[in-house]
Each structure stands twice: as structure tokens, then as C-alpha cells.
């Protein structure tokens, strides 16, 4: 009989090293990051809406300062595209680690 050796880890070493690369740690407070991003996006969107309203009330009758219209539309549309990108990307590290015997050097 063989003596019981140390328990083998359940995950691939390369996956464990890669887990922390480019991603915040799982213990990092996501709520503070998301609330800061949400506040910034809301501020940009409100700035674009305010610019469009200001142009419509003050300059639309004379068709003056037309640069405000595309600038306001860009500022108003930026949060929508940013939220779509954030929601489409999903949380970091969402994929499962590969099985321990998967790879080029797997033993038979």
C-alpha cells in the first residue's frame, strides 16, 4: 500500500495564474466600482440632455450654434453604448477553469 500523499489541487496551475491577470480580485468591492461607473455615465447623459435642451430653448429659433446638436447627441448616446458594452462583456473570470488533465502535455 502506498502512503497517502498531499491532496492534489482541483484546478490547473496555469488557470490559477491567469485568474488574477487583467481582472480585479473576486474579493474586490464590485458595488463601489459599478456605482462610480453608473454615476459617471448618468452625469455624461444628463450633460448631453442639458446641452440639447439649452440649444432648443435658446438657439433653435435662430438656427445658431448648430455644433451643440451633434455634441449633445454624442454625449447623450455615449452612456447607452457604454452600458451595452459593459453588459455584453459580462463579469471577468466567468468561465470555468479547464480540467487538470487537458492540454498538450497530458499523460495517457
PDB file of N, CA and C in Angstrom:
ATOM      1  N   UNK A   1       0.841  -1.189   0.000  1.00  0.00           N
ATOM      2  CA  UNK A   1       0.000   0.000   0.000  1.00  0.00           C
ATOM      3  C   UNK A   1       0.876   1.239   0.000  1.00  0.00           C
ATOM      4  N   UNK A   2       0.393   2.237  -0.664  1.00  0.00           N
ATOM      5  CA  UNK A   2       1.133   3.500  -0.723  1.00  0.00           C
ATOM      6  C   UNK A   2       0.648   4.429   0.374  1.00  0.00           C
ATOM      7  N   UNK A   3       1.559   5.243   0.840  1.00  0.00           N
ATOM      8  CA  UNK A   3       1.178   6.247   1.830  1.00  0.00           C
ATOM      9  C   UNK A   3       0.396   7.353   1.139  1.00  0.00           C
ATOM     10  N   UNK A   4      -0.570   7.863   1.821  1.00  0.00           N
ATOM     11  CA  UNK A   4      -1.386   8.937   1.253  1.00  0.00           C
ATOM     12  C   UNK A   4      -0.548  10.203   1.143  1.00  0.00           C
ATOM     13  N   UNK A   5      -0.449  10.721  -0.065  1.00  0.00           N
ATOM     14  CA  UNK A   5       0.330  11.930  -0.313  1.00  0.00           C
ATOM     15  C   UNK A   5      -0.543  13.174  -0.129  1.00  0.00           C
ATOM     16  N   UNK A   6       0.046  14.314  -0.355  1.00  0.00           N
ATOM     17  CA  UNK A   6      -0.741  15.542  -0.241  1.00  0.00           C
ATOM     18  C   UNK A   6      -1.824  15.583  -1.313  1.00  0.00           C
ATOM     19  N   UNK A   7      -2.901  16.208  -0.967  1.00  0.00           N
ATOM     20  CA  UNK A   7      -4.025  16.302  -1.897  1.00  0.00           C
ATOM     21  C   UNK A   7      -3.639  17.165  -3.097  1.00  0.00           C
ATOM     22  N   UNK A   8      -4.058  16.720  -4.280  1.00  0.00           N
ATOM     23  CA  UNK A   8      -3.758  17.473  -5.491  1.00  0.00           C
ATOM     24  C   UNK A   8      -4.771  18.608  -5.642  1.00  0.00           C
ATOM     25  N   UNK A   9      -4.328  19.743  -6.175  1.00  0.00           N
ATOM     26  CA  UNK A   9      -5.276  20.839  -6.371  1.00  0.00           C
ATOM     27  C   UNK A   9      -6.297  20.477  -7.441  1.00  0.00           C
ATOM     28  N   UNK A  10      -7.477  21.058  -7.335  1.00  0.00           N
ATOM     29  CA  UNK A  10      -8.567  20.767  -8.257  1.00  0.00           C
ATOM     30  C   UNK A  10      -8.512  21.624  -9.516  1.00  0.00           C
ATOM     31  N   UNK A  11      -7.564  22.504  -9.631  1.00  0.00           N
ATOM     32  CA  UNK A  11      -7.526  23.382 -10.789  1.00  0.00           C
ATOM     33  C   UNK A  11      -6.152  23.360 -11.444  1.00  0.00           C
ATOM     34  N   UNK A  12      -6.128  23.794 -12.666  1.00  0.00           N
ATOM     35  CA  UNK A  12      -4.907  23.828 -13.464  1.00  0.00           C
ATOM     36  C   UNK A  12      -4.029  24.985 -12.992  1.00  0.00           C
ATOM     37  N   UNK A  13      -2.706  24.796 -12.810  1.00  0.00           N
ATOM     38  CA  UNK A  13      -1.842  25.883 -12.333  1.00  0.00           C
ATOM     39  C   UNK A  13      -1.832  27.085 -13.255  1.00  0.00           C
ATOM     40  N   UNK A  14      -1.900  26.867 -14.568  1.00  0.00           N
ATOM     41  CA  UNK A  14      -1.902  27.996 -15.500  1.00  0.00           C
ATOM     42  C   UNK A  14      -3.185  28.799 -15.360  1.00  0.00           C
ATOM     43  N   UNK A  15      -4.290  28.117 -15.083  1.00  0.00           N
ATOM     44  CA  UNK A  15      -5.555  28.828 -14.904  1.00  0.00           C
ATOM     45  C   UNK A  15      -5.522  29.645 -13.621  1.00  0.00           C
ATOM     46  N   UNK A  16      -4.870  29.127 -12.582  1.00  0.00           N
ATOM     47  CA  UNK A  16      -4.789  29.877 -11.330  1.00  0.00           C
ATOM     48  C   UNK A  16      -3.927  31.114 -11.497  1.00  0.00           C
ATOM     49  N   UNK A  17      -2.865  31.010 -12.275  1.00  0.00           N
ATOM     50  CA  UNK A  17      -2.006  32.177 -12.501  1.00  0.00           C
ATOM     51  C   UNK A  17      -2.702  33.187 -13.384  1.00  0.00           C
ATOM     52  N   UNK A  18      -3.516  32.693 -14.312  1.00  0.00           N
ATOM     53  CA  UNK A  18      -4.201  33.584 -15.243  1.00  0.00           C
ATOM     54  C   UNK A  18      -5.410  34.257 -14.603  1.00  0.00           C
ATOM     55  N   UNK A  19      -5.957  33.677 -13.546  1.00  0.00           N
ATOM     56  CA  UNK A  19      -7.173  34.189 -12.924  1.00  0.00           C
ATOM     57  C   UNK A  19      -7.015  35.626 -12.461  1.00  0.00           C
ATOM     58  N   UNK A  20      -5.879  35.974 -11.899  1.00  0.00           N
ATOM     59  CA  UNK A  20      -5.683  37.315 -11.391  1.00  0.00           C
ATOM     60  C   UNK A  20      -5.205  38.295 -12.443  1.00  0.00           C
ATOM     61  N   UNK A  21      -4.809  37.820 -13.616  1.00  0.00           N
ATOM     62  CA  UNK A  21      -4.269  38.710 -14.641  1.00  0.00           C
ATOM     63  C   UNK A  21      -5.382  39.437 -15.367  1.00  0.00           C
ATOM     64  N   UNK A  22      -5.376  40.752 -15.283  1.00  0.00           N
ATOM     65  CA  UNK A  22      -6.335  41.564 -16.016  1.00  0.00           C
ATOM     66  C   UNK A  22      -7.693  41.678 -15.375  1.00  0.00           C
ATOM     67  N   UNK A  23      -7.945  40.964 -14.316  1.00  0.00           N
ATOM     68  CA  UNK A  23      -9.247  41.002 -13.659  1.00  0.00           C
ATOM     69  C   UNK A  23      -9.066  41.460 -12.217  1.00  0.00           C
ATOM     70  N   UNK A  24     -10.004  42.224 -11.723  1.00  0.00           N
ATOM     71  CA  UNK A  24      -9.935  42.542 -10.306  1.00  0.00           C
ATOM     72  C   UNK A  24     -10.146  41.286  -9.475  1.00  0.00           C
ATOM     73  N   UNK A  25      -9.619  41.269  -8.292  1.00  0.00           N
ATOM     74  CA  UNK A  25      -9.813  40.102  -7.438  1.00  0.00           C
ATOM     75  C   UNK A  25     -11.280  39.922  -7.117  1.00  0.00           C
ATOM     76  N   UNK A  26     -11.640  38.693  -6.864  1.00  0.00           N
ATOM     77  CA  UNK A  26     -13.052  38.425  -6.574  1.00  0.00           C
ATOM     78  C   UNK A  26     -13.493  39.057  -5.261  1.00  0.00           C
ATOM     79  N   UNK A  27     -12.564  39.319  -4.378  1.00  0.00           N
ATOM     80  CA  UNK A  27     -12.922  39.941  -3.113  1.00  0.00           C
ATOM     81  C   UNK A  27     -13.031  41.454  -3.237  1.00  0.00           C
ATOM     82  N   UNK A  28     -12.695  42.006  -4.424  1.00  0.00           N
ATOM     83  CA  UNK A  28     -12.773  43.453  -4.622  1.00  0.00           C
ATOM     84  C   UNK A  28     -14.237  43.884  -4.580  1.00  0.00           C
ATOM     85  N   UNK A  29     -14.500  45.045  -4.028  1.00  0.00           N
ATOM     86  CA  UNK A  29     -15.898  45.506  -3.931  1.00  0.00           C
ATOM     87  C   UNK A  29     -16.423  45.974  -5.286  1.00  0.00           C
ATOM     88  N   UNK A  30     -17.216  45.129  -5.934  1.00  0.00           N
ATOM     89  CA  UNK A  30     -17.788  45.476  -7.235  1.00  0.00           C
ATOM     90  C   UNK A  30     -18.799  46.596  -7.117  1.00  0.00           C
ATOM     91  N   UNK A  31     -19.458  46.697  -5.985  1.00  0.00           N
ATOM     92  CA  UNK A  31     -20.525  47.691  -5.861  1.00  0.00           C
ATOM     93  C   UNK A  31     -19.968  49.106  -5.962  1.00  0.00           C
ATOM     94  N   UNK A  32     -18.794  49.367  -5.389  1.00  0.00           N
ATOM     95  CA  UNK A  32     -18.249  50.724  -5.467  1.00  0.00           C
ATOM     96  C   UNK A  32     -17.806  51.040  -6.889  1.00  0.00           C
ATOM     97  N   UNK A  33     -17.255  50.065  -7.601  1.00  0.00           N
ATOM     98  CA  UNK A  33     -16.842  50.288  -8.978  1.00  0.00           C
ATOM     99  C   UNK A  33     -18.050  50.532  -9.875  1.00  0.00           C
ATOM    100  N   UNK A  34     -19.086  49.723  -9.692  1.00  0.00           N
ATOM    101  CA  UNK A  34     -20.284  49.885 -10.514  1.00  0.00           C
ATOM    102  C   UNK A  34     -21.010  51.186 -10.209  1.00  0.00           C
ATOM    103  N   UNK A  35     -21.053  51.581  -8.948  1.00  0.00           N
ATOM    104  CA  UNK A  35     -21.731  52.826  -8.634  1.00  0.00           C
ATOM    105  C   UNK A  35     -20.968  54.021  -9.178  1.00  0.00           C
ATOM    106  N   UNK A  36     -19.635  53.970  -9.190  1.00  0.00           N
ATOM    107  CA  UNK A  36     -18.849  55.068  -9.763  1.00  0.00           C
ATOM    108  C   UNK A  36     -19.050  55.125 -11.278  1.00  0.00           C
ATOM    109  N   UNK A  37     -19.073  53.983 -11.936  1.00  0.00           N
ATOM    110  CA  UNK A  37     -19.304  53.948 -13.380  1.00  0.00           C
ATOM    111  C   UNK A  37     -20.704  54.437 -13.719  1.00  0.00           C
ATOM    112  N   UNK A  38     -21.675  54.012 -12.939  1.00  0.00           N
ATOM    113  CA  UNK A  38     -23.053  54.437 -13.179  1.00  0.00           C
ATOM    114  C   UNK A  38     -23.203  55.940 -12.974  1.00  0.00           C
ATOM    115  N   UNK A  39     -22.587  56.482 -11.935  1.00  0.00           N
ATOM    116  CA  UNK A  39     -22.676  57.919 -11.689  1.00  0.00           C
ATOM    117  C   UNK A  39     -22.024  58.713 -12.818  1.00  0.00           C
ATOM    118  N   UNK A  40     -20.900  58.240 -13.315  1.00  0.00           N
ATOM    119  CA  UNK A  40     -20.241  58.920 -14.424  1.00  0.00           C
ATOM    120  C   UNK A  40     -21.065  58.885 -15.695  1.00  0.00           C
ATOM    121  N   UNK A  41     -21.636  57.729 -15.999  1.00  0.00           N
ATOM    122  CA  UNK A  41     -22.450  57.610 -17.201  1.00  0.00           C
ATOM    123  C   UNK A  41     -23.727  58.431 -17.110  1.00  0.00           C
ATOM    124  N   UNK A  42     -24.318  58.478 -15.935  1.00  0.00           N
ATOM    125  CA  UNK A  42     -25.520  59.306 -15.755  1.00  0.00           C
ATOM    126  C   UNK A  42     -25.166  60.781 -15.911  1.00  0.00           C
ATOM    127  N   UNK A  43     -24.026  61.195 -15.383  1.00  0.00           N
ATOM    128  CA  UNK A  43     -23.606  62.593 -15.500  1.00  0.00           C
ATOM    129  C   UNK A  43     -23.360  62.978 -16.957  1.00  0.00           C
ATOM    130  N   UNK A  44     -22.728  62.089 -17.719  1.00  0.00           N
ATOM    131  CA  UNK A  44     -22.483  62.375 -19.136  1.00  0.00           C
ATOM    132  C   UNK A  44     -23.802  62.461 -19.894  1.00  0.00           C
ATOM    133  N   UNK A  45     -24.710  61.531 -19.639  1.00  0.00           N
ATOM    134  CA  UNK A  45     -26.015  61.552 -20.304  1.00  0.00           C
ATOM    135  C   UNK A  45     -26.825  62.784 -19.959  1.00  0.00           C
ATOM    136  N   UNK A  46     -26.808  63.168 -18.696  1.00  0.00           N
ATOM    137  CA  UNK A  46     -27.536  64.383 -18.303  1.00  0.00           C
ATOM    138  C   UNK A  46     -26.902  65.631 -18.902  1.00  0.00           C
ATOM    139  N   UNK A  47     -25.588  65.639 -19.022  1.00  0.00           N
ATOM    140  CA  UNK A  47     -24.916  66.769 -19.666  1.00  0.00           C
ATOM    141  C   UNK A  47     -25.324  66.901 -21.121  1.00  0.00           C
ATOM    142  N   UNK A  48     -25.411  65.785 -21.825  1.00  0.00           N
ATOM    143  CA  UNK A  48     -25.862  65.819 -23.223  1.00  0.00           C
ATOM    144  C   UNK A  48     -27.308  66.271 -23.347  1.00  0.00           C
ATOM    145  N   UNK A  49     -28.161  65.780 -22.458  1.00  0.00           N
ATOM    146  CA  UNK A  49     -29.571  66.200 -22.488  1.00  0.00           C
ATOM    147  C   UNK A  49     -29.696  67.686 -22.172  1.00  0.00           C
ATOM    148  N   UNK A  50     -28.925  68.164 -21.203  1.00  0.00           N
ATOM    149  CA  UNK A  50     -28.971  69.583 -20.856  1.00  0.00           C
ATOM    150  C   UNK A  50     -28.478  70.454 -22.013  1.00  0.00           C
ATOM    151  N   UNK A  51     -27.461  70.003 -22.709  1.00  0.00           N
ATOM    152  CA  UNK A  51     -26.947  70.755 -23.854  1.00  0.00           C
ATOM    153  C   UNK A  51     -27.989  70.840 -24.962  1.00  0.00           C
ATOM    154  N   UNK A  52     -28.690  69.740 -25.219  1.00  0.00           N
ATOM    155  CA  UNK A  52     -29.736  69.755 -26.236  1.00  0.00           C
ATOM    156  C   UNK A  52     -30.912  70.637 -25.842  1.00  0.00           C
ATOM    157  N   UNK A  53     -31.297  70.575 -24.572  1.00  0.00           N
ATOM    158  CA  UNK A  53     -32.406  71.422 -24.108  1.00  0.00           C
ATOM    159  C   UNK A  53     -32.016  72.895 -24.177  1.00  0.00           C
ATOM    160  N   UNK A  54     -30.792  73.211 -23.774  1.00  0.00           N
ATOM    161  CA  UNK A  54     -30.322  74.597 -23.837  1.00  0.00           C
ATOM    162  C   UNK A  54     -30.324  75.106 -25.276  1.00  0.00           C
ATOM    163  N   UNK A  55     -29.841  74.272 -26.200  1.00  0.00           N
ATOM    164  CA  UNK A  55     -29.845  74.685 -27.602  1.00  0.00           C
ATOM    165  C   UNK A  55     -31.264  74.880 -28.112  1.00  0.00           C
ATOM    166  N   UNK A  56     -32.179  73.964 -27.766  1.00  0.00           N
ATOM    167  CA  UNK A  56     -33.553  74.052 -28.254  1.00  0.00           C
ATOM    168  C   UNK A  56     -34.243  75.307 -27.735  1.00  0.00           C
ATOM    169  N   UNK A  57     -33.978  75.676 -26.491  1.00  0.00           N
ATOM    170  CA  UNK A  57     -34.650  76.849 -25.919  1.00  0.00           C
ATOM    171  C   UNK A  57     -34.008  78.166 -26.342  1.00  0.00           C
ATOM    172  N   UNK A  58     -32.702  78.211 -26.434  1.00  0.00           N
ATOM    173  CA  UNK A  58     -32.021  79.487 -26.662  1.00  0.00           C
ATOM    174  C   UNK A  58     -31.632  79.736 -28.114  1.00  0.00           C
ATOM    175  N   UNK A  59     -31.240  78.708 -28.843  1.00  0.00           N
ATOM    176  CA  UNK A  59     -30.637  78.944 -30.146  1.00  0.00           C
ATOM    177  C   UNK A  59     -31.395  78.336 -31.326  1.00  0.00           C
ATOM    178  N   UNK A  60     -32.370  77.473 -31.090  1.00  0.00           N
ATOM    179  CA  UNK A  60     -33.077  76.832 -32.184  1.00  0.00           C
ATOM    180  C   UNK A  60     -33.843  77.817 -33.062  1.00  0.00           C
ATOM    181  N   UNK A  61     -34.557  78.813 -32.513  1.00  0.00           N
ATOM    182  CA  UNK A  61     -35.301  79.726 -33.394  1.00  0.00           C
ATOM    183  C   UNK A  61     -34.401  80.436 -34.416  1.00  0.00           C
ATOM    184  N   UNK A  62     -33.181  80.741 -34.053  1.00  0.00           N
ATOM    185  CA  UNK A  62     -32.280  81.449 -34.957  1.00  0.00           C
ATOM    186  C   UNK A  62     -31.359  80.489 -35.730  1.00  0.00           C
ATOM    187  N   UNK A  63     -31.461  79.187 -35.491  1.00  0.00           N
ATOM    188  CA  UNK A  63     -30.551  78.194 -36.076  1.00  0.00           C
ATOM    189  C   UNK A  63     -29.087  78.577 -35.854  1.00  0.00           C
ATOM    190  N   UNK A  64     -28.806  79.015 -34.667  1.00  0.00           N
ATOM    191  CA  UNK A  64     -27.442  79.408 -34.308  1.00  0.00           C
ATOM    192  C   UNK A  64     -26.800  78.306 -33.470  1.00  0.00           C
ATOM    193  N   UNK A  65     -25.495  78.311 -33.443  1.00  0.00           N
ATOM    194  CA  UNK A  65     -24.695  77.355 -32.661  1.00  0.00           C
ATOM    195  C   UNK A  65     -25.129  75.910 -32.899  1.00  0.00           C
ATOM    196  N   UNK A  66     -25.134  75.537 -34.144  1.00  0.00           N
ATOM    197  CA  UNK A  66     -25.582  74.192 -34.513  1.00  0.00           C
ATOM    198  C   UNK A  66     -24.624  73.098 -34.056  1.00  0.00           C
ATOM    199  N   UNK A  67     -23.411  73.442 -33.669  1.00  0.00           N
ATOM    200  CA  UNK A  67     -22.460  72.456 -33.169  1.00  0.00           C
ATOM    201  C   UNK A  67     -22.971  71.792 -31.893  1.00  0.00           C
ATOM    202  N   UNK A  68     -23.896  72.464 -31.188  1.00  0.00           N
ATOM    203  CA  UNK A  68     -24.397  71.918 -29.926  1.00  0.00           C
ATOM    204  C   UNK A  68     -25.248  70.665 -30.133  1.00  0.00           C
ATOM    205  N   UNK A  69     -25.875  70.560 -31.301  1.00  0.00           N
ATOM    206  CA  UNK A  69     -26.756  69.414 -31.550  1.00  0.00           C
ATOM    207  C   UNK A  69     -25.962  68.109 -31.657  1.00  0.00           C
ATOM    208  N   UNK A  70     -24.965  67.987 -32.534  1.00  0.00           N
ATOM    209  CA  UNK A  70     -24.229  66.710 -32.558  1.00  0.00           C
ATOM    210  C   UNK A  70     -23.448  66.445 -31.270  1.00  0.00           C
ATOM    211  N   UNK A  71     -22.937  67.509 -30.651  1.00  0.00           N
ATOM    212  CA  UNK A  71     -22.224  67.305 -29.384  1.00  0.00           C
ATOM    213  C   UNK A  71     -23.177  66.775 -28.320  1.00  0.00           C
ATOM    214  N   UNK A  72     -24.364  67.312 -28.242  1.00  0.00           N
ATOM    215  CA  UNK A  72     -25.356  66.831 -27.279  1.00  0.00           C
ATOM    216  C   UNK A  72     -25.796  65.412 -27.569  1.00  0.00           C
ATOM    217  N   UNK A  73     -25.958  65.084 -28.862  1.00  0.00           N
ATOM    218  CA  UNK A  73     -26.359  63.724 -29.216  1.00  0.00           C
ATOM    219  C   UNK A  73     -25.263  62.710 -28.895  1.00  0.00           C
ATOM    220  N   UNK A  74     -24.007  63.082 -29.111  1.00  0.00           N
ATOM    221  CA  UNK A  74     -22.908  62.180 -28.768  1.00  0.00           C
ATOM    222  C   UNK A  74     -22.865  61.959 -27.261  1.00  0.00           C
ATOM    223  N   UNK A  75     -22.995  63.039 -26.497  1.00  0.00           N
ATOM    224  CA  UNK A  75     -22.974  62.902 -25.041  1.00  0.00           C
ATOM    225  C   UNK A  75     -24.178  62.118 -24.528  1.00  0.00           C
ATOM    226  N   UNK A  76     -25.301  62.266 -25.180  1.00  0.00           N
ATOM    227  CA  UNK A  76     -26.498  61.541 -24.766  1.00  0.00           C
ATOM    228  C   UNK A  76     -26.417  60.060 -25.143  1.00  0.00           C
ATOM    229  N   UNK A  77     -25.777  59.734 -26.266  1.00  0.00           N
ATOM    230  CA  UNK A  77     -25.689  58.341 -26.713  1.00  0.00           C
ATOM    231  C   UNK A  77     -24.532  57.559 -26.113  1.00  0.00           C
ATOM    232  N   UNK A  78     -23.534  58.249 -25.584  1.00  0.00           N
ATOM    233  CA  UNK A  78     -22.371  57.564 -25.025  1.00  0.00           C
ATOM    234  C   UNK A  78     -22.737  56.621 -23.876  1.00  0.00           C
ATOM    235  N   UNK A  79     -23.546  57.034 -22.903  1.00  0.00           N
ATOM    236  CA  UNK A  79     -23.888  56.094 -21.820  1.00  0.00           C
ATOM    237  C   UNK A  79     -24.613  54.848 -22.300  1.00  0.00           C
ATOM    238  N   UNK A  80     -25.441  54.991 -23.322  1.00  0.00           N
ATOM    239  CA  UNK A  80     -26.157  53.821 -23.838  1.00  0.00           C
ATOM    240  C   UNK A  80     -25.167  52.806 -24.410  1.00  0.00           C
ATOM    241  N   UNK A  81     -24.223  53.277 -25.214  1.00  0.00           N
ATOM    242  CA  UNK A  81     -23.225  52.370 -25.784  1.00  0.00           C
ATOM    243  C   UNK A  81     -22.308  51.795 -24.703  1.00  0.00           C
ATOM    244  N   UNK A  82     -21.969  52.595 -23.720  1.00  0.00           N
ATOM    245  CA  UNK A  82     -21.102  52.100 -22.643  1.00  0.00           C
ATOM    246  C   UNK A  82     -21.809  51.015 -21.836  1.00  0.00           C
ATOM    247  N   UNK A  83     -23.073  51.205 -21.520  1.00  0.00           N
ATOM    248  CA  UNK A  83     -23.798  50.186 -20.764  1.00  0.00           C
ATOM    249  C   UNK A  83     -23.968  48.912 -21.574  1.00  0.00           C
ATOM    250  N   UNK A  84     -24.213  49.062 -22.894  1.00  0.00           N
ATOM    251  CA  UNK A  84     -24.324  47.867 -23.722  1.00  0.00           C
ATOM    252  C   UNK A  84     -23.004  47.107 -23.743  1.00  0.00           C
ATOM    253  N   UNK A  85     -21.874  47.819 -23.788  1.00  0.00           N
ATOM    254  CA  UNK A  85     -20.574  47.138 -23.770  1.00  0.00           C
ATOM    255  C   UNK A  85     -20.322  46.454 -22.441  1.00  0.00           C
ATOM    256  N   UNK A  86     -20.650  47.125 -21.346  1.00  0.00           N
ATOM    257  CA  UNK A  86     -20.429  46.530 -20.027  1.00  0.00           C
ATOM    258  C   UNK A  86     -21.312  45.307 -19.809  1.00  0.00           C
ATOM    259  N   UNK A  87     -22.551  45.410 -20.210  1.00  0.00           N
ATOM    260  CA  UNK A  87     -23.454  44.278 -20.021  1.00  0.00           C
ATOM    261  C   UNK A  87     -23.115  43.135 -20.965  1.00  0.00           C
ATOM    262  N   UNK A  88     -22.640  43.449 -22.164  1.00  0.00           N
ATOM    263  CA  UNK A  88     -22.288  42.420 -23.130  1.00  0.00           C
ATOM    264  C   UNK A  88     -21.008  41.689 -22.778  1.00  0.00           C
ATOM    265  N   UNK A  89     -20.101  42.357 -22.090  1.00  0.00           N
ATOM    266  CA  UNK A  89     -18.831  41.717 -21.763  1.00  0.00           C
ATOM    267  C   UNK A  89     -18.965  40.729 -20.619  1.00  0.00           C
ATOM    268  N   UNK A  90     -19.882  40.937 -19.732  1.00  0.00           N
ATOM    269  CA  UNK A  90     -20.078  40.028 -18.611  1.00  0.00           C
ATOM    270  C   UNK A  90     -19.001  40.195 -17.561  1.00  0.00           C
ATOM    271  N   UNK A  91     -19.169  39.544 -16.424  1.00  0.00           N
ATOM    272  CA  UNK A  91     -18.169  39.655 -15.362  1.00  0.00           C
ATOM    273  C   UNK A  91     -16.873  38.949 -15.738  1.00  0.00           C
ATOM    274  N   UNK A  92     -15.790  39.421 -15.225  1.00  0.00           N
ATOM    275  CA  UNK A  92     -14.475  38.874 -15.507  1.00  0.00           C
ATOM    276  C   UNK A  92     -14.297  37.546 -14.758  1.00  0.00           C
ATOM    277  N   UNK A  93     -13.666  36.591 -15.382  1.00  0.00           N
ATOM    278  CA  UNK A  93     -13.428  35.304 -14.731  1.00  0.00           C
ATOM    279  C   UNK A  93     -14.668  34.440 -14.649  1.00  0.00           C
ATOM    280  N   UNK A  94     -15.587  34.604 -15.563  1.00  0.00           N
ATOM    281  CA  UNK A  94     -16.845  33.884 -15.524  1.00  0.00           C
ATOM    282  C   UNK A  94     -16.707  32.462 -16.067  1.00  0.00           C
ATOM    283  N   UNK A  95     -15.699  32.228 -16.879  1.00  0.00           N
ATOM    284  CA  UNK A  95     -15.536  30.911 -17.470  1.00  0.00           C
ATOM    285  C   UNK A  95     -14.901  29.957 -16.473  1.00  0.00           C
ATOM    286  N   UNK A  96     -15.264  28.701 -16.592  1.00  0.00           N
ATOM    287  CA  UNK A  96     -14.722  27.677 -15.700  1.00  0.00           C
ATOM    288  C   UNK A  96     -13.284  27.364 -16.097  1.00  0.00           C
ATOM    289  N   UNK A  97     -12.507  26.967 -15.117  1.00  0.00           N
ATOM    290  CA  UNK A  97     -11.119  26.579 -15.373  1.00  0.00           C
ATOM    291  C   UNK A  97     -11.096  25.279 -16.163  1.00  0.00           C
ATOM    292  N   UNK A  98     -10.076  25.089 -17.010  1.00  0.00           N
ATOM    293  CA  UNK A  98     -10.001  23.837 -17.772  1.00  0.00           C
ATOM    294  C   UNK A  98      -9.722  22.660 -16.836  1.00  0.00           C
ATOM    295  N   UNK A  99     -10.090  21.462 -17.244  1.00  0.00           N
ATOM    296  CA  UNK A  99      -9.817  20.296 -16.398  1.00  0.00           C
ATOM    297  C   UNK A  99      -8.311  20.117 -16.225  1.00  0.00           C
ATOM    298  N   UNK A 100      -7.874  19.497 -15.131  1.00  0.00           N
ATOM    299  CA  UNK A 100      -6.442  19.397 -14.850  1.00  0.00           C
ATOM    300  C   UNK A 100      -5.665  18.578 -15.873  1.00  0.00           C
ATOM    301  N   UNK A 101      -6.288  17.640 -16.565  1.00  0.00           N
ATOM    302  CA  UNK A 101      -5.545  16.815 -17.498  1.00  0.00           C
ATOM    303  C   UNK A 101      -5.667  17.318 -18.954  1.00  0.00           C
ATOM    304  N   UNK A 102      -6.304  18.433 -19.172  1.00  0.00           N
ATOM    305  CA  UNK A 102      -6.425  18.968 -20.523  1.00  0.00           C
ATOM    306  C   UNK A 102      -5.163  19.701 -20.890  1.00  0.00           C
ATOM    307  N   UNK A 103      -4.706  19.542 -22.098  1.00  0.00           N
ATOM    308  CA  UNK A 103      -3.533  20.242 -22.548  1.00  0.00           C
ATOM    309  C   UNK A 103      -2.652  19.383 -23.430  1.00  0.00           C
ATOM    310  N   UNK A 104      -1.585  19.980 -23.904  1.00  0.00           N
ATOM    311  CA  UNK A 104      -0.682  19.299 -24.817  1.00  0.00           C
ATOM    312  C   UNK A 104       0.092  18.191 -24.114  1.00  0.00           C
ATOM    313  N   UNK A 105       0.470  18.448 -22.872  1.00  0.00           N
ATOM    314  CA  UNK A 105       1.333  17.513 -22.155  1.00  0.00           C
ATOM    315  C   UNK A 105       0.565  16.589 -21.216  1.00  0.00           C
ATOM    316  N   UNK A 106      -0.691  16.315 -21.538  1.00  0.00           N
ATOM    317  CA  UNK A 106      -1.489  15.433 -20.694  1.00  0.00           C
ATOM    318  C   UNK A 106      -0.961  14.002 -20.810  1.00  0.00           C
ATOM    319  N   UNK A 107      -0.886  13.339 -19.691  1.00  0.00           N
ATOM    320  CA  UNK A 107      -0.402  11.956 -19.699  1.00  0.00           C
ATOM    321  C   UNK A 107      -1.575  11.014 -19.970  1.00  0.00           C
ATOM    322  N   UNK A 108      -1.281   9.930 -20.634  1.00  0.00           N
ATOM    323  CA  UNK A 108      -2.330   8.996 -21.033  1.00  0.00           C
ATOM    324  C   UNK A 108      -2.658   8.022 -19.948  1.00  0.00           C
TER     325      UNK A 108
END
